């Protein structure tokens, strides 16, 4: 066997080993939060855990998942790396308009590689009318799905996202606002000011990308909505609520790190029928003399009723 063939085989075997480990880790972590395990331990699911539990359906599909981890997931992983390289090339070497179209295609391809079908209901309003999109947050794929729509968005994200390879560079280039999880009032005020400034610049046409805010501040399993934080609403500018409805709770990010989460989704068998419906809801404007908290709660109720 020639050296190039040996090198290629070695790379493929290492890639397969990585995929098997990541999928296995995702499966093990998901099992810890399964509804079946929680009920067996506590007799019932505590009320404050219901937004974070996972279905027990992975257990009966363990063999299928691990077979796919060995056979299909390595090919998907190589395709994912290739698409990231294309997106990074576009970011630094292509004109902005061409890059934005390329970014939409790349994110759409990543979603398809994961086996997720995306559908849309309702109409997305232009940035000149609505500077902010407010969405529930279930999965890492929420971000890719939003970026795969025809016009990209900037995000309010934790500071760690800025350091992510490729995706961090892209989010920064779109003008995303990064926040710290610290509860320092001064820093919180700076974040609110940054979000408000971004919203006003979008409204005035000085920034082309709408701001997408996952107002719950964390991910859930999609079965309910948690409290909406005030950051997206402090400016009292109109928002468009979005409800991301997943057909399968195994797409949830809960209990998983980002890498096990992504690999586990790529290993789910086809009969899991993964679908995300993006519900674009009518815009919400604050009532006269209303408080920021009431504005946020009004928006949350619109999403909950969808």
Protein backbone atom coordinates (compact mmCIF):
# COMPACT_ATOMS: atom_id res chain seq x y z
CA UNK A 1 0.00 0.00 0.00
CA UNK A 2 1.38 3.42 -0.96
CA UNK A 3 2.08 6.15 1.60
CA UNK A 4 -0.75 8.41 0.35
CA UNK A 5 -3.19 5.52 0.72
CA UNK A 6 -1.91 4.75 4.22
CA UNK A 7 -2.21 8.43 5.18
CA UNK A 8 -5.74 8.65 3.78
CA UNK A 9 -6.79 5.48 5.59
CA UNK A 10 -5.27 6.75 8.85
CA UNK A 11 -7.16 10.05 8.58
CA UNK A 12 -10.41 8.23 7.88
CA UNK A 13 -9.94 5.85 10.82
CA UNK A 14 -9.14 8.74 13.16
CA UNK A 15 -12.20 10.62 11.88
CA UNK A 16 -14.36 7.55 12.45
CA UNK A 17 -12.98 7.13 15.98
CA UNK A 18 -13.76 10.79 16.73
CA UNK A 19 -17.31 10.40 15.40
CA UNK A 20 -17.95 7.23 17.40
CA UNK A 21 -16.65 8.89 20.58
CA UNK A 22 -18.69 12.08 20.06
CA UNK A 23 -21.90 10.19 19.24
CA UNK A 24 -21.38 7.85 22.18
CA UNK A 25 -20.79 10.80 24.49
CA UNK A 26 -23.93 12.51 23.21
CA UNK A 27 -25.96 9.33 23.72
CA UNK A 28 -24.66 8.87 27.27
CA UNK A 29 -25.30 12.51 28.24
CA UNK A 30 -28.79 12.46 26.70
CA UNK A 31 -29.61 9.29 28.63
CA UNK A 32 -28.89 11.08 31.93
CA UNK A 33 -31.73 13.53 31.27
CA UNK A 34 -34.22 11.06 29.81
CA UNK A 35 -37.75 11.21 31.19
CA UNK A 36 -37.64 7.48 31.96
CA UNK A 37 -34.52 7.81 34.12
CA UNK A 38 -35.86 10.82 36.04
CA UNK A 39 -39.18 9.08 36.75
CA UNK A 40 -37.41 5.91 37.90
CA UNK A 41 -35.28 8.00 40.29
CA UNK A 42 -37.89 10.45 41.61
CA UNK A 43 -41.24 8.86 40.78
CA UNK A 44 -42.18 11.85 38.62
CA UNK A 45 -40.61 14.70 36.69
CA UNK A 46 -40.21 17.76 38.98
CA UNK A 47 -42.16 20.72 37.59
CA UNK A 48 -39.04 22.87 37.17
CA UNK A 49 -37.32 20.09 35.16
CA UNK A 50 -40.02 19.60 32.54
CA UNK A 51 -38.44 22.11 30.13
CA UNK A 52 -35.13 20.22 30.17
CA UNK A 53 -35.99 16.52 30.01
CA UNK A 54 -35.31 14.38 26.97
CA UNK A 55 -37.31 11.48 25.45
CA UNK A 56 -36.23 7.91 26.08
CA UNK A 57 -36.55 6.89 22.42
CA UNK A 58 -32.77 6.78 21.89
CA UNK A 59 -32.41 3.65 24.01
CA UNK A 60 -34.31 1.42 21.59
CA UNK A 61 -32.30 2.84 18.68
CA UNK A 62 -28.82 2.52 20.21
CA UNK A 63 -27.55 -0.07 17.71
CA UNK A 64 -28.81 1.92 14.71
CA UNK A 65 -27.24 5.11 16.07
CA UNK A 66 -23.83 3.50 16.59
CA UNK A 67 -23.90 1.81 13.17
CA UNK A 68 -24.53 5.22 11.60
CA UNK A 69 -21.75 6.67 13.78
CA UNK A 70 -19.31 4.27 12.12
CA UNK A 71 -20.61 4.42 8.56
CA UNK A 72 -22.46 7.66 7.73
CA UNK A 73 -21.44 10.23 10.34
CA UNK A 74 -17.74 10.31 9.29
CA UNK A 75 -18.81 11.19 5.74
CA UNK A 76 -21.16 13.86 7.09
CA UNK A 77 -18.39 15.23 9.30
CA UNK A 78 -15.99 15.55 6.37
CA UNK A 79 -18.73 17.37 4.42
CA UNK A 80 -19.29 19.71 7.39
CA UNK A 81 -15.57 20.57 7.52
CA UNK A 82 -15.55 21.24 3.77
CA UNK A 83 -18.57 23.56 4.02
CA UNK A 84 -16.97 25.47 6.91
CA UNK A 85 -13.83 26.00 4.82
CA UNK A 86 -15.95 27.34 1.93
CA UNK A 87 -17.78 29.72 4.28
CA UNK A 88 -14.52 30.96 5.80
CA UNK A 89 -13.06 31.55 2.33
CA UNK A 90 -16.16 33.52 1.37
CA UNK A 91 -15.96 35.64 4.52
CA UNK A 92 -12.44 36.86 3.81
CA UNK A 93 -12.16 36.82 0.03
CA UNK A 94 -15.60 37.42 -1.54
CA UNK A 95 -17.66 40.64 -1.85
CA UNK A 96 -20.24 41.01 0.92
CA UNK A 97 -23.32 40.37 -1.23
CA UNK A 98 -21.86 37.19 -2.70
CA UNK A 99 -20.70 36.03 0.73
CA UNK A 100 -24.19 36.50 2.20
CA UNK A 101 -25.74 34.30 -0.49
CA UNK A 102 -22.97 31.75 0.02
CA UNK A 103 -23.54 31.83 3.79
CA UNK A 104 -27.24 31.13 3.34
CA UNK A 105 -26.48 28.14 1.09
CA UNK A 106 -23.78 26.81 3.44
CA UNK A 107 -26.01 26.98 6.51
CA UNK A 108 -28.85 25.36 4.57
CA UNK A 109 -26.49 22.57 3.52
CA UNK A 110 -25.38 22.00 7.13
CA UNK A 111 -29.00 21.73 8.23
CA UNK A 112 -29.70 19.20 5.46
CA UNK A 113 -26.61 17.17 6.36
CA UNK A 114 -28.02 16.93 9.89
CA UNK A 115 -31.18 15.48 8.34
CA UNK A 116 -33.45 18.39 9.29
CA UNK A 117 -36.21 19.56 6.95
CA UNK A 118 -37.12 23.25 7.38
CA UNK A 119 -40.58 24.66 6.69
CA UNK A 120 -41.84 28.21 7.09
CA UNK A 121 -45.20 29.68 7.98
CA UNK A 122 -46.03 33.36 7.99
CA UNK A 123 -44.02 36.26 6.61
CA UNK A 124 -40.72 37.68 7.75
CA UNK A 125 -40.92 41.47 7.97
CA UNK A 126 -38.10 43.72 6.65
CA UNK A 127 -35.48 45.26 8.92
CA UNK A 128 -36.75 48.76 8.14
CA UNK A 129 -40.00 47.88 9.92
CA UNK A 130 -38.85 45.43 12.57
CA UNK A 131 -35.25 45.63 13.84
CA UNK A 132 -35.49 42.63 16.15
CA UNK A 133 -36.53 38.99 15.83
CA UNK A 134 -37.33 37.31 19.15
CA UNK A 135 -37.24 33.52 19.12
CA UNK A 136 -37.44 30.55 21.44
CA UNK A 137 -34.24 28.50 21.69
CA UNK A 138 -34.14 24.72 21.46
CA UNK A 139 -31.06 23.62 19.51
CA UNK A 140 -27.70 24.72 18.15
CA UNK A 141 -29.35 24.30 14.76
CA UNK A 142 -31.60 27.27 15.57
CA UNK A 143 -28.69 29.50 14.57
CA UNK A 144 -28.02 27.68 11.31
CA UNK A 145 -31.72 27.68 10.43
CA UNK A 146 -32.00 31.43 10.99
CA UNK A 147 -28.84 32.08 8.94
CA UNK A 148 -30.07 29.83 6.14
CA UNK A 149 -33.07 32.10 5.51
CA UNK A 150 -32.51 34.49 2.59
CA UNK A 151 -31.38 37.49 4.70
CA UNK A 152 -28.87 36.74 7.49
CA UNK A 153 -29.26 38.06 11.02
CA UNK A 154 -26.94 39.16 13.80
CA UNK A 155 -27.31 37.52 17.20
CA UNK A 156 -27.13 38.34 20.87
CA UNK A 157 -24.79 35.59 22.06
CA UNK A 158 -22.53 34.71 24.95
CA UNK A 159 -18.94 35.95 24.66
CA UNK A 160 -17.60 32.42 24.15
CA UNK A 161 -19.28 32.28 20.72
CA UNK A 162 -16.86 34.92 19.42
CA UNK A 163 -14.03 32.41 19.93
CA UNK A 164 -15.72 29.55 18.05
CA UNK A 165 -13.80 28.66 14.87
CA UNK A 166 -15.53 29.88 11.70
CA UNK A 167 -18.97 30.44 13.26
CA UNK A 168 -17.51 32.99 15.67
CA UNK A 169 -15.84 34.88 12.82
CA UNK A 170 -19.10 34.91 10.85
CA UNK A 171 -21.24 36.05 13.80
CA UNK A 172 -18.78 38.86 14.50
CA UNK A 173 -18.81 39.97 10.86
CA UNK A 174 -22.61 40.24 11.00
CA UNK A 175 -22.40 42.63 13.95
CA UNK A 176 -23.53 40.27 16.70
CA UNK A 177 -23.70 41.58 20.27
CA UNK A 178 -21.78 39.49 22.81
CA UNK A 179 -22.86 39.31 26.43
CA UNK A 180 -21.36 38.01 29.64
CA UNK A 181 -23.25 35.74 32.02
CA UNK A 182 -21.96 37.86 34.92
CA UNK A 183 -24.61 39.71 36.93
CA UNK A 184 -22.64 42.93 37.37
CA UNK A 185 -25.20 45.80 37.01
CA UNK A 186 -22.70 48.04 35.18
CA UNK A 187 -21.89 45.37 32.61
CA UNK A 188 -25.57 44.53 32.22
CA UNK A 189 -26.30 48.18 31.48
CA UNK A 190 -23.56 48.24 28.83
CA UNK A 191 -25.09 45.19 27.16
CA UNK A 192 -28.56 46.77 27.16
CA UNK A 193 -27.11 49.92 25.60
CA UNK A 194 -25.30 47.86 22.92
CA UNK A 195 -28.49 45.98 22.04
CA UNK A 196 -30.51 49.20 21.90
CA UNK A 197 -27.89 50.90 19.73
CA UNK A 198 -27.89 47.94 17.34
CA UNK A 199 -31.71 48.01 17.11
CA UNK A 200 -31.78 51.74 16.35
CA UNK A 201 -29.08 51.40 13.68
CA UNK A 202 -31.09 48.63 12.00
CA UNK A 203 -34.25 50.74 12.13
CA UNK A 204 -32.43 53.73 10.59
CA UNK A 205 -30.82 51.66 7.84
CA UNK A 206 -27.29 52.03 9.21
CA UNK A 207 -27.03 48.28 9.84
CA UNK A 208 -28.39 45.80 7.31
CA UNK A 209 -28.85 42.80 9.58
CA UNK A 210 -31.78 42.35 11.92
CA UNK A 211 -30.93 41.32 15.46
CA UNK A 212 -32.07 37.85 16.50
CA UNK A 213 -32.51 37.40 20.24
CA UNK A 214 -33.18 34.11 22.02
CA UNK A 215 -34.99 35.88 24.83
CA UNK A 216 -35.13 32.91 27.22
CA UNK A 217 -31.37 33.20 27.65
CA UNK A 218 -30.90 29.42 27.47
CA UNK A 219 -32.21 26.36 25.65
CA UNK A 220 -35.17 24.18 26.56
CA UNK A 221 -36.65 21.03 25.04
CA UNK A 222 -39.26 23.11 23.20
CA UNK A 223 -42.28 21.87 25.14
CA UNK A 224 -42.78 25.17 26.98
CA UNK A 225 -41.53 28.75 27.09
CA UNK A 226 -39.50 30.14 29.95
CA UNK A 227 -39.26 33.70 31.22
CA UNK A 228 -38.22 36.25 28.57
CA UNK A 229 -35.33 38.50 29.59
CA UNK A 230 -35.71 42.24 29.05
CA UNK A 231 -32.69 42.87 26.79
CA UNK A 232 -34.53 42.76 23.47
CA UNK A 233 -37.36 44.93 24.77
CA UNK A 234 -35.59 47.69 26.70
CA UNK A 235 -35.53 50.00 23.65
CA UNK A 236 -39.35 49.66 23.38
CA UNK A 237 -39.03 49.17 19.61
CA UNK A 238 -41.35 46.68 17.83
CA UNK A 239 -40.26 43.05 17.56
CA UNK A 240 -41.29 40.09 15.42
CA UNK A 241 -41.80 36.92 17.46
CA UNK A 242 -40.65 33.64 15.95
CA UNK A 243 -41.57 30.18 17.16
CA UNK A 244 -39.22 27.36 16.17
CA UNK A 245 -41.25 24.15 16.32
CA UNK A 246 -39.26 20.91 16.17
CA UNK A 247 -40.97 17.63 15.39
CA UNK A 248 -38.64 15.60 17.62
CA UNK A 249 -37.41 16.40 21.13
CA UNK A 250 -34.10 14.66 20.37
CA UNK A 251 -33.09 17.84 18.53
CA UNK A 252 -32.97 19.61 21.88
CA UNK A 253 -29.65 20.99 23.15
CA UNK A 254 -30.47 20.26 26.81
CA UNK A 255 -27.93 18.25 28.85
CA UNK A 256 -25.44 18.18 25.95
CA UNK A 257 -22.29 20.03 24.98
CA UNK A 258 -22.24 21.52 21.50
CA UNK A 259 -20.04 18.81 19.91
CA UNK A 260 -21.93 15.76 21.31
CA UNK A 261 -25.20 17.52 20.42
CA UNK A 262 -24.26 18.05 16.77
CA UNK A 263 -22.81 14.56 16.31
CA UNK A 264 -25.76 12.87 18.00
CA UNK A 265 -28.21 14.65 15.69
CA UNK A 266 -26.17 13.58 12.65
CA UNK A 267 -26.41 9.97 13.86
CA UNK A 268 -30.18 9.87 14.36
CA UNK A 269 -31.81 7.28 12.05
CA UNK A 270 -34.01 8.52 9.18
CA UNK A 271 -37.23 7.30 10.80
CA UNK A 272 -36.87 10.01 13.47
CA UNK A 273 -38.26 12.38 10.81
CA UNK A 274 -36.56 15.60 11.90
CA UNK A 275 -38.46 18.75 10.94
CA UNK A 276 -38.30 22.37 12.08
CA UNK A 277 -41.19 24.70 11.27
CA UNK A 278 -40.32 28.40 11.49
CA UNK A 279 -43.45 30.30 12.49
CA UNK A 280 -43.12 34.01 11.61
CA UNK A 281 -45.69 35.66 13.86
CA UNK A 282 -47.27 39.13 13.58
CA UNK A 283 -45.19 42.00 15.01
CA UNK A 284 -45.62 43.07 18.61
CA UNK A 285 -45.45 46.71 19.67
CA UNK A 286 -45.49 47.97 23.26
CA UNK A 287 -48.73 49.37 24.58
CA UNK A 288 -48.73 53.03 25.68
CA UNK A 289 -47.24 53.52 29.16
CA UNK A 290 -46.38 49.82 29.41
CA UNK A 291 -43.26 48.58 31.20
CA UNK A 292 -40.37 46.72 29.59
CA UNK A 293 -41.29 43.60 31.55
CA UNK A 294 -44.91 43.74 30.35
CA UNK A 295 -43.72 44.20 26.75
CA UNK A 296 -41.54 41.10 27.08
CA UNK A 297 -44.37 39.11 28.65
CA UNK A 298 -46.80 40.21 25.93
CA UNK A 299 -44.36 38.91 23.30
CA UNK A 300 -43.86 35.64 25.17
CA UNK A 301 -47.62 35.07 25.28
CA UNK A 302 -47.84 35.57 21.51
CA UNK A 303 -45.21 32.86 20.99
CA UNK A 304 -46.83 30.54 23.55
CA UNK A 305 -50.15 30.84 21.73
CA UNK A 306 -48.65 29.91 18.33
